[in-house]
Amino acid sequence: MSRLQGKQDGQGVDVNKIIDEAVADAQAAANAAGRATTVNISQDGTRQVIDIGGRKLIVNTDANGRADVHWDGEPALVSSAEPPPFNPNEVPDGVVDIVQSLGATLVLCVVGFPIARAFGRWVDRRGNAPKVPTEVLTRLNSIEQAVESVAIEVERISEGQRFTTKLLNDRATRELADAVPAREHVRG
């Protein structure tokens, strides 16, 4: 923050005093850094030109004591008013938004984490086969053996049926073959 600040009520401050302090600070900093710096101050009415090591700081003051500052021809940011006084009962801008965001994040973590864990467990359980009691497994095994026995017996019965049908068919064919030549002898 710049030292060139005016009072909030609009009255000017002693710009020359502030400039003198700034020049002294600049010289002290230059000396501490080991660089020799020459400072030349020339004043022309309400305009002061301060040459600090080849760079020029130009300060124009108006009748109210407000300063217009340029550093090497570029406008310098200078506040012309003091910051408002600190009020401990006033909440600064953005603090309410930060507290609300923090609260929402905390609620989301406290409520959302158990829900996410429960959902993950539910998904894992869906993929696993259900556990069947051993009594049911033994009964299913005995039913499976009974069904296999019945299937084998049905296969035997059907095999016997095919064999019987084949025998009857062969017998009928032989009887027919024997009967046809006998008829031919009768006619002839």
C-alpha atoms as a PDB file:
ATOM      1  CA  MET A   1       0.000   0.000   0.000  1.00  0.00           C
ATOM      2  CA  SER A   2       1.337   3.440  -0.830  1.00  0.00           C
ATOM      3  CA  ARG A   3       2.178   6.003   1.775  1.00  0.00           C
ATOM      4  CA  LEU A   4       0.466   8.761  -0.222  1.00  0.00           C
ATOM      5  CA  GLN A   5      -2.909   8.581   1.389  1.00  0.00           C
ATOM      6  CA  GLY A   6      -5.345  11.320   2.232  1.00  0.00           C
ATOM      7  CA  LYS A   7      -7.861  11.412   4.993  1.00  0.00           C
ATOM      8  CA  GLN A   8     -11.299   9.925   4.482  1.00  0.00           C
ATOM      9  CA  ASP A   9     -13.067  13.203   5.244  1.00  0.00           C
ATOM     10  CA  GLY A  10     -11.524  14.815   2.149  1.00  0.00           C
ATOM     11  CA  GLN A  11      -8.868  16.974   3.859  1.00  0.00           C
ATOM     12  CA  GLY A  12      -5.376  16.716   2.435  1.00  0.00           C
ATOM     13  CA  VAL A  13      -2.277  15.416   4.165  1.00  0.00           C
ATOM     14  CA  ASP A  14       1.234  16.732   4.172  1.00  0.00           C
ATOM     15  CA  VAL A  15       2.458  15.205   0.896  1.00  0.00           C
ATOM     16  CA  ASN A  16       5.949  16.656   1.323  1.00  0.00           C
ATOM     17  CA  LYS A  17       6.375  14.843   4.627  1.00  0.00           C
ATOM     18  CA  ILE A  18       5.290  11.533   3.084  1.00  0.00           C
ATOM     19  CA  ILE A  19       7.612  12.078   0.099  1.00  0.00           C
ATOM     20  CA  ASP A  20      10.522  12.831   2.382  1.00  0.00           C
ATOM     21  CA  GLU A  21       9.834   9.632   4.336  1.00  0.00           C
ATOM     22  CA  ALA A  22       9.572   7.601   1.102  1.00  0.00           C
ATOM     23  CA  VAL A  23      12.864   9.033  -0.200  1.00  0.00           C
ATOM     24  CA  ALA A  24      14.564   8.235   3.101  1.00  0.00           C
ATOM     25  CA  ASP A  25      13.190   4.673   2.978  1.00  0.00           C
ATOM     26  CA  ALA A  26      14.364   4.278  -0.648  1.00  0.00           C
ATOM     27  CA  GLN A  27      17.861   5.492   0.223  1.00  0.00           C
ATOM     28  CA  ALA A  28      18.029   3.169   3.234  1.00  0.00           C
ATOM     29  CA  ALA A  29      16.923   0.204   1.126  1.00  0.00           C
ATOM     30  CA  ALA A  30      19.442   1.044  -1.599  1.00  0.00           C
ATOM     31  CA  ASN A  31      22.244   1.361   0.939  1.00  0.00           C
ATOM     32  CA  ALA A  32      21.235  -1.937   2.565  1.00  0.00           C
ATOM     33  CA  ALA A  33      21.359  -3.603  -0.866  1.00  0.00           C
ATOM     34  CA  GLY A  34      24.844  -2.201  -1.469  1.00  0.00           C
ATOM     35  CA  ARG A  35      23.873   0.124  -4.302  1.00  0.00           C
ATOM     36  CA  ALA A  36      24.696   3.782  -4.250  1.00  0.00           C
ATOM     37  CA  THR A  37      21.641   5.790  -5.140  1.00  0.00           C
ATOM     38  CA  THR A  38      21.447   9.497  -5.655  1.00  0.00           C
ATOM     39  CA  VAL A  39      18.190  11.259  -4.979  1.00  0.00           C
ATOM     40  CA  ASN A  40      17.505  14.687  -6.458  1.00  0.00           C
ATOM     41  CA  ILE A  41      14.310  16.506  -5.579  1.00  0.00           C
ATOM     42  CA  SER A  42      13.183  19.518  -7.576  1.00  0.00           C
ATOM     43  CA  GLN A  43      10.007  21.372  -6.726  1.00  0.00           C
ATOM     44  CA  ASP A  44       8.074  23.619  -9.063  1.00  0.00           C
ATOM     45  CA  GLY A  45       4.958  24.947  -7.296  1.00  0.00           C
ATOM     46  CA  THR A  46       2.629  21.971  -6.851  1.00  0.00           C
ATOM     47  CA  ARG A  47       4.853  19.635  -8.853  1.00  0.00           C
ATOM     48  CA  GLN A  48       7.736  17.667  -7.426  1.00  0.00           C
ATOM     49  CA  VAL A  49      10.160  15.643  -9.531  1.00  0.00           C
ATOM     50  CA  ILE A  50      12.159  13.076  -7.610  1.00  0.00           C
ATOM     51  CA  ASP A  51      15.031  11.447  -9.487  1.00  0.00           C
ATOM     52  CA  ILE A  52      15.960   8.148  -7.787  1.00  0.00           C
ATOM     53  CA  GLY A  53      18.859   6.432  -9.498  1.00  0.00           C
ATOM     54  CA  GLY A  54      17.781   7.508 -12.993  1.00  0.00           C
ATOM     55  CA  ARG A  55      14.076   6.820 -12.502  1.00  0.00           C
ATOM     56  CA  LYS A  56      11.706   9.736 -12.057  1.00  0.00           C
ATOM     57  CA  LEU A  57       8.844   9.956  -9.638  1.00  0.00           C
ATOM     58  CA  ILE A  58       6.598  12.923 -10.468  1.00  0.00           C
ATOM     59  CA  VAL A  59       4.082  14.096  -7.857  1.00  0.00           C
ATOM     60  CA  ASN A  60       1.468  16.731  -8.742  1.00  0.00           C
ATOM     61  CA  THR A  61      -0.594  17.990  -5.799  1.00  0.00           C
ATOM     62  CA  ASP A  62      -3.809  19.985  -6.085  1.00  0.00           C
ATOM     63  CA  ALA A  63      -5.241  22.598  -3.718  1.00  0.00           C
ATOM     64  CA  ASN A  64      -6.924  19.942  -1.574  1.00  0.00           C
ATOM     65  CA  GLY A  65      -3.639  18.150  -1.004  1.00  0.00           C
ATOM     66  CA  ARG A  66      -4.468  15.193  -3.207  1.00  0.00           C
ATOM     67  CA  ALA A  67      -1.558  13.817  -5.165  1.00  0.00           C
ATOM     68  CA  ASP A  68      -1.329  12.539  -8.746  1.00  0.00           C
ATOM     69  CA  VAL A  69       1.725  10.273  -8.945  1.00  0.00           C
ATOM     70  CA  HIS A  70       3.596   9.070 -12.045  1.00  0.00           C
ATOM     71  CA  TRP A  71       6.568   6.689 -12.007  1.00  0.00           C
ATOM     72  CA  ASP A  72       8.706   6.973 -15.163  1.00  0.00           C
ATOM     73  CA  GLY A  73       5.732   8.472 -17.012  1.00  0.00           C
ATOM     74  CA  GLU A  74       3.363   5.635 -15.989  1.00  0.00           C
ATOM     75  CA  PRO A  75       0.544   6.412 -13.554  1.00  0.00           C
ATOM     76  CA  ALA A  76       1.258   4.916 -10.146  1.00  0.00           C
ATOM     77  CA  LEU A  77      -1.524   3.516  -8.009  1.00  0.00           C
ATOM     78  CA  VAL A  78      -1.941   5.811  -5.066  1.00  0.00           C
ATOM     79  CA  SER A  79      -4.813   5.750  -2.662  1.00  0.00           C
ATOM     80  CA  SER A  80      -6.158   9.164  -1.806  1.00  0.00           C
ATOM     81  CA  ALA A  81      -8.212   7.975   1.158  1.00  0.00           C
ATOM     82  CA  GLU A  82      -7.515   5.949   4.257  1.00  0.00           C
ATOM     83  CA  PRO A  83      -9.076   2.554   4.451  1.00  0.00           C
ATOM     84  CA  PRO A  84     -12.327   2.439   6.398  1.00  0.00           C
ATOM     85  CA  PRO A  85     -11.903   1.753  10.084  1.00  0.00           C
ATOM     86  CA  PHE A  86     -12.053  -1.872  11.186  1.00  0.00           C
ATOM     87  CA  ASN A  87     -15.358  -2.845  12.758  1.00  0.00           C
ATOM     88  CA  PRO A  88     -15.087  -6.125  14.688  1.00  0.00           C
ATOM     89  CA  ASN A  89     -18.872  -6.627  14.533  1.00  0.00           C
ATOM     90  CA  GLU A  90     -18.982  -6.471  10.738  1.00  0.00           C
ATOM     91  CA  VAL A  91     -18.530  -9.667   8.733  1.00  0.00           C
ATOM     92  CA  PRO A  92     -16.129  -9.171   5.793  1.00  0.00           C
ATOM     93  CA  ASP A  93     -17.301  -9.883   2.265  1.00  0.00           C
ATOM     94  CA  GLY A  94     -17.013 -13.512   1.195  1.00  0.00           C
ATOM     95  CA  VAL A  95     -16.784 -14.969   4.702  1.00  0.00           C
ATOM     96  CA  VAL A  96     -20.447 -15.996   4.696  1.00  0.00           C
ATOM     97  CA  ASP A  97     -19.993 -17.769   1.342  1.00  0.00           C
ATOM     98  CA  ILE A  98     -16.902 -19.585   2.617  1.00  0.00           C
ATOM     99  CA  VAL A  99     -18.661 -20.698   5.817  1.00  0.00           C
ATOM    100  CA  GLN A 100     -21.700 -21.900   3.846  1.00  0.00           C
ATOM    101  CA  SER A 101     -19.480 -23.839   1.431  1.00  0.00           C
ATOM    102  CA  LEU A 102     -17.566 -25.385   4.317  1.00  0.00           C
ATOM    103  CA  GLY A 103     -20.806 -26.357   6.058  1.00  0.00           C
ATOM    104  CA  ALA A 104     -22.257 -27.904   2.900  1.00  0.00           C
ATOM    105  CA  THR A 105     -19.046 -29.851   2.340  1.00  0.00           C
ATOM    106  CA  LEU A 106     -19.059 -31.098   5.926  1.00  0.00           C
ATOM    107  CA  VAL A 107     -22.706 -32.212   5.691  1.00  0.00           C
ATOM    108  CA  LEU A 108     -22.012 -33.911   2.367  1.00  0.00           C
ATOM    109  CA  CYS A 109     -19.077 -35.807   3.876  1.00  0.00           C
ATOM    110  CA  VAL A 110     -20.922 -36.816   7.045  1.00  0.00           C
ATOM    111  CA  VAL A 111     -24.094 -37.925   5.244  1.00  0.00           C
ATOM    112  CA  GLY A 112     -22.723 -38.897   1.845  1.00  0.00           C
ATOM    113  CA  PHE A 113     -19.867 -41.152   2.948  1.00  0.00           C
ATOM    114  CA  PRO A 114     -22.062 -43.723   4.780  1.00  0.00           C
ATOM    115  CA  ILE A 115     -24.544 -43.690   1.901  1.00  0.00           C
ATOM    116  CA  ALA A 116     -21.752 -44.318  -0.600  1.00  0.00           C
ATOM    117  CA  ARG A 117     -20.393 -47.183   1.546  1.00  0.00           C
ATOM    118  CA  ALA A 118     -23.847 -48.770   1.829  1.00  0.00           C
ATOM    119  CA  PHE A 119     -24.364 -48.496  -1.918  1.00  0.00           C
ATOM    120  CA  GLY A 120     -20.956 -50.070  -2.574  1.00  0.00           C
ATOM    121  CA  ARG A 121     -21.713 -52.970  -0.246  1.00  0.00           C
ATOM    122  CA  TRP A 122     -25.104 -53.467  -1.881  1.00  0.00           C
ATOM    123  CA  VAL A 123     -23.468 -53.628  -5.327  1.00  0.00           C
ATOM    124  CA  ASP A 124     -20.911 -56.150  -4.025  1.00  0.00           C
ATOM    125  CA  ARG A 125     -23.596 -58.347  -2.491  1.00  0.00           C
ATOM    126  CA  ARG A 126     -25.615 -58.396  -5.705  1.00  0.00           C
ATOM    127  CA  GLY A 127     -22.723 -60.003  -7.574  1.00  0.00           C
ATOM    128  CA  ASN A 128     -22.258 -62.876  -5.093  1.00  0.00           C
ATOM    129  CA  ALA A 129     -24.361 -66.021  -5.301  1.00  0.00           C
ATOM    130  CA  PRO A 130     -26.772 -66.413  -2.405  1.00  0.00           C
ATOM    131  CA  LYS A 131     -25.709 -68.909   0.258  1.00  0.00           C
ATOM    132  CA  VAL A 132     -27.904 -72.012   0.343  1.00  0.00           C
ATOM    133  CA  PRO A 133     -28.315 -73.946   3.612  1.00  0.00           C
ATOM    134  CA  THR A 134     -26.746 -77.432   3.752  1.00  0.00           C
ATOM    135  CA  GLU A 135     -30.131 -79.114   4.336  1.00  0.00           C
ATOM    136  CA  VAL A 136     -31.418 -77.704   1.076  1.00  0.00           C
ATOM    137  CA  LEU A 137     -28.250 -78.786  -0.736  1.00  0.00           C
ATOM    138  CA  THR A 138     -28.567 -82.390   0.488  1.00  0.00           C
ATOM    139  CA  ARG A 139     -32.209 -82.506  -0.533  1.00  0.00           C
ATOM    140  CA  LEU A 140     -31.361 -81.092  -3.944  1.00  0.00           C
ATOM    141  CA  ASN A 141     -28.640 -83.743  -4.381  1.00  0.00           C
ATOM    142  CA  SER A 142     -31.054 -86.562  -3.528  1.00  0.00           C
ATOM    143  CA  ILE A 143     -33.659 -85.127  -5.917  1.00  0.00           C
ATOM    144  CA  GLU A 144     -30.997 -84.930  -8.628  1.00  0.00           C
ATOM    145  CA  GLN A 145     -30.036 -88.587  -8.082  1.00  0.00           C
ATOM    146  CA  ALA A 146     -33.705 -89.635  -8.197  1.00  0.00           C
ATOM    147  CA  VAL A 147     -34.244 -87.734 -11.450  1.00  0.00           C
ATOM    148  CA  GLU A 148     -31.140 -89.384 -12.952  1.00  0.00           C
ATOM    149  CA  SER A 149     -32.435 -92.839 -11.873  1.00  0.00           C
ATOM    150  CA  VAL A 150     -35.808 -92.152 -13.454  1.00  0.00           C
ATOM    151  CA  ALA A 151     -34.102 -90.938 -16.626  1.00  0.00           C
ATOM    152  CA  ILE A 152     -32.059 -94.162 -16.823  1.00  0.00           C
ATOM    153  CA  GLU A 153     -35.185 -96.303 -16.301  1.00  0.00           C
ATOM    154  CA  VAL A 154     -37.103 -94.329 -18.930  1.00  0.00           C
ATOM    155  CA  GLU A 155     -34.200 -94.863 -21.329  1.00  0.00           C
ATOM    156  CA  ARG A 156     -34.286 -98.640 -20.644  1.00  0.00           C
ATOM    157  CA  ILE A 157     -38.040 -98.752 -21.201  1.00  0.00           C
ATOM    158  CA  SER A 158     -37.750 -96.828 -24.449  1.00  0.00           C
ATOM    159  CA  GLU A 159     -34.916 -99.132 -25.593  1.00  0.00           C
ATOM    160  CA  GLY A 160     -37.101-102.164 -24.810  1.00  0.00           C
ATOM    161  CA  GLN A 161     -39.979-100.539 -26.700  1.00  0.00           C
ATOM    162  CA  ARG A 162     -37.770 -99.963 -29.740  1.00  0.00           C
ATOM    163  CA  PHE A 163     -36.527-103.553 -29.595  1.00  0.00           C
ATOM    164  CA  THR A 164     -40.072-104.942 -29.330  1.00  0.00           C
ATOM    165  CA  THR A 165     -41.228-102.741 -32.189  1.00  0.00           C
ATOM    166  CA  LYS A 166     -38.313-103.917 -34.336  1.00  0.00           C
ATOM    167  CA  LEU A 167     -39.065-107.587 -33.616  1.00  0.00           C
ATOM    168  CA  LEU A 168     -42.732-107.178 -34.447  1.00  0.00           C
ATOM    169  CA  ASN A 169     -41.879-105.308 -37.614  1.00  0.00           C
ATOM    170  CA  ASP A 170     -39.395-107.985 -38.741  1.00  0.00           C
ATOM    171  CA  ARG A 171     -41.902-110.713 -37.979  1.00  0.00           C
ATOM    172  CA  ALA A 172     -44.609-109.024 -39.949  1.00  0.00           C
ATOM    173  CA  THR A 173     -42.255-108.497 -42.862  1.00  0.00           C
ATOM    174  CA  ARG A 174     -41.273-112.218 -42.881  1.00  0.00           C
ATOM    175  CA  GLU A 175     -44.846-113.355 -42.689  1.00  0.00           C
ATOM    176  CA  LEU A 176     -45.727-111.076 -45.522  1.00  0.00           C
ATOM    177  CA  ALA A 177     -42.806-112.311 -47.578  1.00  0.00           C
ATOM    178  CA  ASP A 178     -43.811-115.924 -46.914  1.00  0.00           C
ATOM    179  CA  ALA A 179     -47.449-115.270 -47.793  1.00  0.00           C
ATOM    180  CA  VAL A 180     -46.775-113.586 -51.144  1.00  0.00           C
ATOM    181  CA  PRO A 181     -44.969-116.551 -52.787  1.00  0.00           C
ATOM    182  CA  ALA A 182     -47.656-118.911 -51.572  1.00  0.00           C
ATOM    183  CA  ARG A 183     -50.291-116.926 -53.427  1.00  0.00           C
ATOM    184  CA  GLU A 184     -48.280-117.044 -56.605  1.00  0.00           C
ATOM    185  CA  HIS A 185     -48.197-120.821 -56.418  1.00  0.00           C
ATOM    186  CA  VAL A 186     -51.942-120.932 -56.013  1.00  0.00           C
ATOM    187  CA  ARG A 187     -52.604-118.908 -59.168  1.00  0.00           C
ATOM    188  CA  GLY A 188     -50.169-120.588 -61.259  1.00  0.00           C
END
